[in-house]
N, C-alpha and C. Protein backbone atom coordinates (compact mmCIF):
# COMPACT_ATOMS: atom_id res chain seq x y z
N MET A 1 -129.98 -163.38 -46.84
CA MET A 1 -128.86 -164.02 -47.49
C MET A 1 -127.55 -163.36 -47.06
N LEU A 2 -127.55 -162.05 -47.00
CA LEU A 2 -126.36 -161.33 -46.61
C LEU A 2 -126.01 -161.64 -45.15
N PHE A 3 -127.04 -161.66 -44.30
CA PHE A 3 -126.82 -161.97 -42.89
C PHE A 3 -126.22 -163.36 -42.72
N ARG A 4 -126.74 -164.31 -43.49
CA ARG A 4 -126.22 -165.69 -43.42
C ARG A 4 -124.75 -165.73 -43.82
N ARG A 5 -124.41 -165.02 -44.86
CA ARG A 5 -123.01 -165.02 -45.32
C ARG A 5 -122.09 -164.40 -44.29
N ILE A 6 -122.53 -163.32 -43.66
CA ILE A 6 -121.72 -162.68 -42.62
C ILE A 6 -121.55 -163.62 -41.43
N LEU A 7 -122.63 -164.26 -41.04
CA LEU A 7 -122.58 -165.19 -39.92
C LEU A 7 -121.65 -166.36 -40.21
N MET A 8 -121.76 -166.96 -41.39
CA MET A 8 -120.91 -168.08 -41.76
C MET A 8 -119.44 -167.67 -41.81
N THR A 9 -119.16 -166.50 -42.32
CA THR A 9 -117.78 -166.01 -42.38
C THR A 9 -117.22 -165.84 -40.97
N ALA A 10 -118.03 -165.29 -40.07
CA ALA A 10 -117.59 -165.10 -38.69
C ALA A 10 -117.34 -166.46 -38.01
N LEU A 11 -118.23 -167.41 -38.25
CA LEU A 11 -118.05 -168.74 -37.65
C LEU A 11 -116.81 -169.44 -38.19
N MET A 12 -116.57 -169.31 -39.47
CA MET A 12 -115.38 -169.94 -40.07
C MET A 12 -114.10 -169.31 -39.52
N ALA A 13 -114.11 -167.99 -39.33
CA ALA A 13 -112.95 -167.32 -38.77
C ALA A 13 -112.72 -167.77 -37.33
N ALA A 14 -113.79 -167.92 -36.57
CA ALA A 14 -113.67 -168.37 -35.19
C ALA A 14 -113.16 -169.81 -35.13
N ALA A 15 -113.57 -170.63 -36.08
CA ALA A 15 -113.15 -172.03 -36.10
C ALA A 15 -111.65 -172.16 -36.36
N ARG A 16 -111.06 -171.20 -37.01
CA ARG A 16 -109.62 -171.23 -37.28
C ARG A 16 -108.80 -170.73 -36.11
N ASN A 17 -109.46 -170.13 -35.13
CA ASN A 17 -108.78 -169.56 -33.98
C ASN A 17 -108.36 -170.68 -33.02
N PRO A 18 -107.07 -170.80 -32.70
CA PRO A 18 -106.60 -171.87 -31.81
C PRO A 18 -107.25 -171.85 -30.42
N ALA A 19 -107.52 -170.68 -29.89
CA ALA A 19 -108.14 -170.59 -28.56
C ALA A 19 -109.56 -171.15 -28.61
N VAL A 20 -110.28 -170.85 -29.68
CA VAL A 20 -111.64 -171.35 -29.83
C VAL A 20 -111.60 -172.87 -30.03
N GLN A 21 -110.64 -173.34 -30.80
CA GLN A 21 -110.51 -174.79 -31.01
C GLN A 21 -110.23 -175.51 -29.69
N LYS A 22 -109.38 -174.91 -28.85
CA LYS A 22 -109.06 -175.52 -27.57
C LYS A 22 -110.30 -175.60 -26.69
N LYS A 23 -111.07 -174.51 -26.63
CA LYS A 23 -112.30 -174.49 -25.82
C LYS A 23 -113.31 -175.50 -26.35
N ALA A 24 -113.43 -175.61 -27.66
CA ALA A 24 -114.36 -176.57 -28.26
C ALA A 24 -113.94 -178.00 -27.92
N GLY A 25 -112.65 -178.26 -27.95
CA GLY A 25 -112.14 -179.58 -27.59
C GLY A 25 -112.42 -179.92 -26.14
N GLU A 26 -112.24 -178.93 -25.26
CA GLU A 26 -112.52 -179.16 -23.84
C GLU A 26 -114.01 -179.43 -23.63
N ALA A 27 -114.86 -178.68 -24.31
CA ALA A 27 -116.30 -178.87 -24.18
C ALA A 27 -116.71 -180.25 -24.69
N ALA A 28 -116.12 -180.67 -25.80
CA ALA A 28 -116.43 -181.99 -26.35
C ALA A 28 -115.96 -183.10 -25.40
N GLY A 29 -114.82 -182.92 -24.79
CA GLY A 29 -114.32 -183.89 -23.82
C GLY A 29 -115.23 -184.00 -22.60
N LYS A 30 -115.71 -182.86 -22.12
CA LYS A 30 -116.62 -182.87 -20.97
C LYS A 30 -117.93 -183.56 -21.34
N ALA A 31 -118.42 -183.28 -22.54
CA ALA A 31 -119.68 -183.91 -22.98
C ALA A 31 -119.51 -185.42 -23.10
N LEU A 32 -118.38 -185.85 -23.61
CA LEU A 32 -118.11 -187.29 -23.73
C LEU A 32 -118.04 -187.95 -22.36
N ASN A 33 -117.35 -187.32 -21.43
CA ASN A 33 -117.24 -187.88 -20.08
C ASN A 33 -118.60 -187.93 -19.39
N ALA A 34 -119.44 -186.94 -19.63
CA ALA A 34 -120.77 -186.93 -19.03
C ALA A 34 -121.65 -188.02 -19.64
N ALA A 35 -121.49 -188.29 -20.93
CA ALA A 35 -122.33 -189.26 -21.62
C ALA A 35 -121.80 -190.69 -21.51
N ARG A 36 -120.57 -190.87 -21.11
CA ARG A 36 -119.94 -192.20 -21.10
C ARG A 36 -120.73 -193.26 -20.33
N PRO A 37 -121.19 -193.00 -19.10
CA PRO A 37 -121.93 -194.06 -18.38
C PRO A 37 -123.18 -194.52 -19.13
N GLY A 38 -123.92 -193.58 -19.68
CA GLY A 38 -125.11 -193.94 -20.45
C GLY A 38 -124.77 -194.70 -21.71
N LEU A 39 -123.70 -194.32 -22.36
CA LEU A 39 -123.28 -195.02 -23.57
C LEU A 39 -122.85 -196.44 -23.27
N LEU A 40 -122.14 -196.63 -22.18
CA LEU A 40 -121.70 -197.98 -21.80
C LEU A 40 -122.88 -198.87 -21.45
N THR A 41 -123.85 -198.31 -20.73
CA THR A 41 -125.05 -199.08 -20.37
C THR A 41 -125.82 -199.48 -21.62
N ALA A 42 -126.00 -198.52 -22.54
CA ALA A 42 -126.73 -198.81 -23.78
C ALA A 42 -125.99 -199.86 -24.61
N SER A 43 -124.67 -199.77 -24.65
CA SER A 43 -123.88 -200.73 -25.40
C SER A 43 -124.02 -202.13 -24.81
N ARG A 44 -124.00 -202.21 -23.48
CA ARG A 44 -124.14 -203.50 -22.81
C ARG A 44 -125.51 -204.12 -23.10
N LYS A 45 -126.57 -203.30 -23.03
CA LYS A 45 -127.91 -203.80 -23.32
C LYS A 45 -128.04 -204.25 -24.77
N ALA A 46 -127.45 -203.49 -25.68
CA ALA A 46 -127.50 -203.87 -27.09
C ALA A 46 -126.79 -205.19 -27.32
N GLY A 47 -125.67 -205.41 -26.65
CA GLY A 47 -124.94 -206.67 -26.77
C GLY A 47 -125.75 -207.84 -26.24
N GLU A 48 -126.43 -207.62 -25.11
CA GLU A 48 -127.26 -208.68 -24.53
C GLU A 48 -128.41 -209.04 -25.48
N MET A 49 -129.04 -208.02 -26.03
CA MET A 49 -130.16 -208.26 -26.96
C MET A 49 -129.68 -209.01 -28.20
N THR A 50 -128.51 -208.63 -28.70
CA THR A 50 -127.95 -209.28 -29.88
C THR A 50 -127.67 -210.76 -29.60
N ARG A 51 -127.10 -211.02 -28.43
CA ARG A 51 -126.81 -212.42 -28.07
C ARG A 51 -128.09 -213.23 -27.93
N LYS A 52 -129.13 -212.67 -27.33
CA LYS A 52 -130.41 -213.37 -27.18
C LYS A 52 -131.03 -213.67 -28.54
N LEU A 53 -131.02 -212.67 -29.42
CA LEU A 53 -131.57 -212.88 -30.77
C LEU A 53 -130.78 -213.94 -31.52
N SER A 54 -129.48 -213.91 -31.37
CA SER A 54 -128.65 -214.88 -32.05
C SER A 54 -128.94 -216.30 -31.57
N LYS A 55 -129.11 -216.44 -30.25
CA LYS A 55 -129.46 -217.77 -29.70
C LYS A 55 -130.80 -218.24 -30.22
N ASN A 56 -131.80 -217.35 -30.28
CA ASN A 56 -133.12 -217.71 -30.77
C ASN A 56 -133.09 -218.12 -32.24
N ILE A 57 -132.30 -217.43 -33.02
CA ILE A 57 -132.20 -217.76 -34.45
C ILE A 57 -131.52 -219.12 -34.63
N LYS A 58 -130.50 -219.39 -33.84
CA LYS A 58 -129.77 -220.66 -33.95
C LYS A 58 -130.64 -221.85 -33.52
N LYS A 59 -131.54 -221.61 -32.55
CA LYS A 59 -132.43 -222.67 -32.08
C LYS A 59 -133.39 -223.12 -33.17
N LYS A 60 -133.84 -222.17 -33.98
CA LYS A 60 -134.85 -222.49 -35.01
C LYS A 60 -134.20 -223.07 -36.20
């Protein structure tokens, strides 16, 4: 319990640090850019499936 409290306090202090926030933002941006092609492909497939289902429901 004590270890957890020390760890959480250290993490909260680091989260308030502007340099750490900047690095975290850069890492999140890189992750988003890396995931973007896969996300766009999945979104396109989901849209196609939705349109097909909608057409099938309207036919019946």
